[in-house]
């Protein structure tokens, strides 16, 4: 690791991904003039991009590990979806995009 990064905390990969997605749709809106909410075309694009990325990373795994990674991804999606829905139901203010 380069010396200048040894004492620095790693950036949050989740936040970097959210920034990348937001910037992509700001530069290339699926529906020009659309609201801040993610529309169906954008959601489909995000899902396909994430699925392809996970599949590419997973293809490097062997045997049962690949299936375990997919199962872990599904559990994490369901866990975080539940958390966000509970926050929405309680009227939590703020963006879910970053922590």
C-alpha atoms as a PDB file:
ATOM      1  CA  UNK A   1       0.000   0.000   0.000  1.00  0.00           C
ATOM      2  CA  UNK A   2       1.374   3.456  -0.768  1.00  0.00           C
ATOM      3  CA  UNK A   3       2.600   5.364   2.268  1.00  0.00           C
ATOM      4  CA  UNK A   4       0.124   8.233   1.900  1.00  0.00           C
ATOM      5  CA  UNK A   5      -2.846   5.830   2.261  1.00  0.00           C
ATOM      6  CA  UNK A   6      -1.559   3.805   5.219  1.00  0.00           C
ATOM      7  CA  UNK A   7      -2.866   6.240   7.822  1.00  0.00           C
ATOM      8  CA  UNK A   8      -6.112   7.037   5.969  1.00  0.00           C
ATOM      9  CA  UNK A   9      -9.366   5.199   6.385  1.00  0.00           C
ATOM     10  CA  UNK A  10     -10.650   3.480   3.252  1.00  0.00           C
ATOM     11  CA  UNK A  11     -13.499   5.322   1.551  1.00  0.00           C
ATOM     12  CA  UNK A  12     -16.955   3.815   1.915  1.00  0.00           C
ATOM     13  CA  UNK A  13     -17.577   1.655  -1.154  1.00  0.00           C
ATOM     14  CA  UNK A  14     -21.346   1.977  -0.715  1.00  0.00           C
ATOM     15  CA  UNK A  15     -21.167   5.784  -0.731  1.00  0.00           C
ATOM     16  CA  UNK A  16     -18.867   5.742  -3.749  1.00  0.00           C
ATOM     17  CA  UNK A  17     -21.319   3.513  -5.626  1.00  0.00           C
ATOM     18  CA  UNK A  18     -24.280   5.752  -4.744  1.00  0.00           C
ATOM     19  CA  UNK A  19     -22.332   8.810  -5.939  1.00  0.00           C
ATOM     20  CA  UNK A  20     -21.431   7.032  -9.177  1.00  0.00           C
ATOM     21  CA  UNK A  21     -25.058   6.051  -9.842  1.00  0.00           C
ATOM     22  CA  UNK A  22     -26.378   9.523  -9.004  1.00  0.00           C
ATOM     23  CA  UNK A  23     -23.781  11.173 -11.244  1.00  0.00           C
ATOM     24  CA  UNK A  24     -24.525   8.753 -14.078  1.00  0.00           C
ATOM     25  CA  UNK A  25     -28.246   9.555 -14.050  1.00  0.00           C
ATOM     26  CA  UNK A  26     -27.580  13.272 -13.614  1.00  0.00           C
ATOM     27  CA  UNK A  27     -25.417  13.185 -16.749  1.00  0.00           C
ATOM     28  CA  UNK A  28     -27.601  10.707 -18.677  1.00  0.00           C
ATOM     29  CA  UNK A  29     -31.175  10.921 -17.370  1.00  0.00           C
ATOM     30  CA  UNK A  30     -33.421   8.053 -18.431  1.00  0.00           C
ATOM     31  CA  UNK A  31     -36.304  10.505 -18.531  1.00  0.00           C
ATOM     32  CA  UNK A  32     -35.276  14.130 -19.082  1.00  0.00           C
ATOM     33  CA  UNK A  33     -36.826  16.408 -16.472  1.00  0.00           C
ATOM     34  CA  UNK A  34     -37.732  13.471 -14.200  1.00  0.00           C
ATOM     35  CA  UNK A  35     -38.095  13.853 -10.450  1.00  0.00           C
ATOM     36  CA  UNK A  36     -35.481  12.911  -7.857  1.00  0.00           C
ATOM     37  CA  UNK A  37     -37.148   9.514  -7.437  1.00  0.00           C
ATOM     38  CA  UNK A  38     -35.632   6.596  -9.325  1.00  0.00           C
ATOM     39  CA  UNK A  39     -37.934   5.665 -12.194  1.00  0.00           C
ATOM     40  CA  UNK A  40     -38.479   2.169 -13.570  1.00  0.00           C
ATOM     41  CA  UNK A  41     -35.941   2.536 -16.379  1.00  0.00           C
ATOM     42  CA  UNK A  42     -33.294   3.753 -13.939  1.00  0.00           C
ATOM     43  CA  UNK A  43     -34.066   0.990 -11.455  1.00  0.00           C
ATOM     44  CA  UNK A  44     -33.760  -1.628 -14.197  1.00  0.00           C
ATOM     45  CA  UNK A  45     -30.430  -0.153 -15.309  1.00  0.00           C
ATOM     46  CA  UNK A  46     -29.103  -0.191 -11.730  1.00  0.00           C
ATOM     47  CA  UNK A  47     -30.255  -3.765 -11.090  1.00  0.00           C
ATOM     48  CA  UNK A  48     -28.695  -5.064 -14.310  1.00  0.00           C
ATOM     49  CA  UNK A  49     -25.418  -3.216 -13.638  1.00  0.00           C
ATOM     50  CA  UNK A  50     -25.179  -4.588 -10.085  1.00  0.00           C
ATOM     51  CA  UNK A  51     -26.148  -8.104 -11.227  1.00  0.00           C
ATOM     52  CA  UNK A  52     -23.470  -8.079 -13.941  1.00  0.00           C
ATOM     53  CA  UNK A  53     -20.868  -6.802 -11.489  1.00  0.00           C
ATOM     54  CA  UNK A  54     -21.707  -9.461  -8.900  1.00  0.00           C
ATOM     55  CA  UNK A  55     -21.740 -12.171 -11.583  1.00  0.00           C
ATOM     56  CA  UNK A  56     -18.305 -11.070 -12.836  1.00  0.00           C
ATOM     57  CA  UNK A  57     -16.875 -11.085  -9.301  1.00  0.00           C
ATOM     58  CA  UNK A  58     -18.600 -14.364  -8.522  1.00  0.00           C
ATOM     59  CA  UNK A  59     -17.339 -16.078 -11.669  1.00  0.00           C
ATOM     60  CA  UNK A  60     -13.849 -15.983 -10.159  1.00  0.00           C
ATOM     61  CA  UNK A  61     -15.012 -18.153  -7.260  1.00  0.00           C
ATOM     62  CA  UNK A  62     -15.018 -21.922  -7.274  1.00  0.00           C
ATOM     63  CA  UNK A  63     -17.631 -24.442  -6.223  1.00  0.00           C
ATOM     64  CA  UNK A  64     -19.939 -23.745  -3.318  1.00  0.00           C
ATOM     65  CA  UNK A  65     -18.397 -20.352  -2.544  1.00  0.00           C
ATOM     66  CA  UNK A  66     -20.113 -18.782  -5.547  1.00  0.00           C
ATOM     67  CA  UNK A  67     -23.538 -19.962  -4.419  1.00  0.00           C
ATOM     68  CA  UNK A  68     -22.812 -18.769  -0.876  1.00  0.00           C
ATOM     69  CA  UNK A  69     -21.954 -15.295  -2.193  1.00  0.00           C
ATOM     70  CA  UNK A  70     -25.247 -15.092  -4.078  1.00  0.00           C
ATOM     71  CA  UNK A  71     -27.172 -16.244  -1.004  1.00  0.00           C
ATOM     72  CA  UNK A  72     -25.342 -13.697   1.163  1.00  0.00           C
ATOM     73  CA  UNK A  73     -26.193 -10.952  -1.337  1.00  0.00           C
ATOM     74  CA  UNK A  74     -29.873 -11.916  -1.210  1.00  0.00           C
ATOM     75  CA  UNK A  75     -29.867 -11.895   2.617  1.00  0.00           C
ATOM     76  CA  UNK A  76     -28.190  -8.473   2.686  1.00  0.00           C
ATOM     77  CA  UNK A  77     -30.684  -7.042   0.183  1.00  0.00           C
ATOM     78  CA  UNK A  78     -33.627  -8.291   2.239  1.00  0.00           C
ATOM     79  CA  UNK A  79     -32.088  -7.073   5.511  1.00  0.00           C
ATOM     80  CA  UNK A  80     -31.385  -3.562   4.254  1.00  0.00           C
ATOM     81  CA  UNK A  81     -34.674  -3.316   2.382  1.00  0.00           C
ATOM     82  CA  UNK A  82     -36.491  -4.145   5.613  1.00  0.00           C
ATOM     83  CA  UNK A  83     -34.491  -1.567   7.557  1.00  0.00           C
ATOM     84  CA  UNK A  84     -35.173   1.171   5.015  1.00  0.00           C
ATOM     85  CA  UNK A  85     -38.885   0.355   4.855  1.00  0.00           C
ATOM     86  CA  UNK A  86     -39.124   0.522   8.670  1.00  0.00           C
ATOM     87  CA  UNK A  87     -37.354   3.890   8.643  1.00  0.00           C
ATOM     88  CA  UNK A  88     -39.757   5.150   5.969  1.00  0.00           C
ATOM     89  CA  UNK A  89     -42.749   3.903   7.943  1.00  0.00           C
ATOM     90  CA  UNK A  90     -41.482   5.756  11.027  1.00  0.00           C
ATOM     91  CA  UNK A  91     -41.103   8.928   8.967  1.00  0.00           C
ATOM     92  CA  UNK A  92     -37.327   9.072   9.171  1.00  0.00           C
ATOM     93  CA  UNK A  93     -35.975  12.182   7.496  1.00  0.00           C
ATOM     94  CA  UNK A  94     -32.956  12.112   5.232  1.00  0.00           C
ATOM     95  CA  UNK A  95     -31.482  10.213   2.360  1.00  0.00           C
ATOM     96  CA  UNK A  96     -30.918   6.502   2.514  1.00  0.00           C
ATOM     97  CA  UNK A  97     -28.161   6.965  -0.029  1.00  0.00           C
ATOM     98  CA  UNK A  98     -25.380   7.529   2.464  1.00  0.00           C
ATOM     99  CA  UNK A  99     -24.671   6.885   6.094  1.00  0.00           C
END
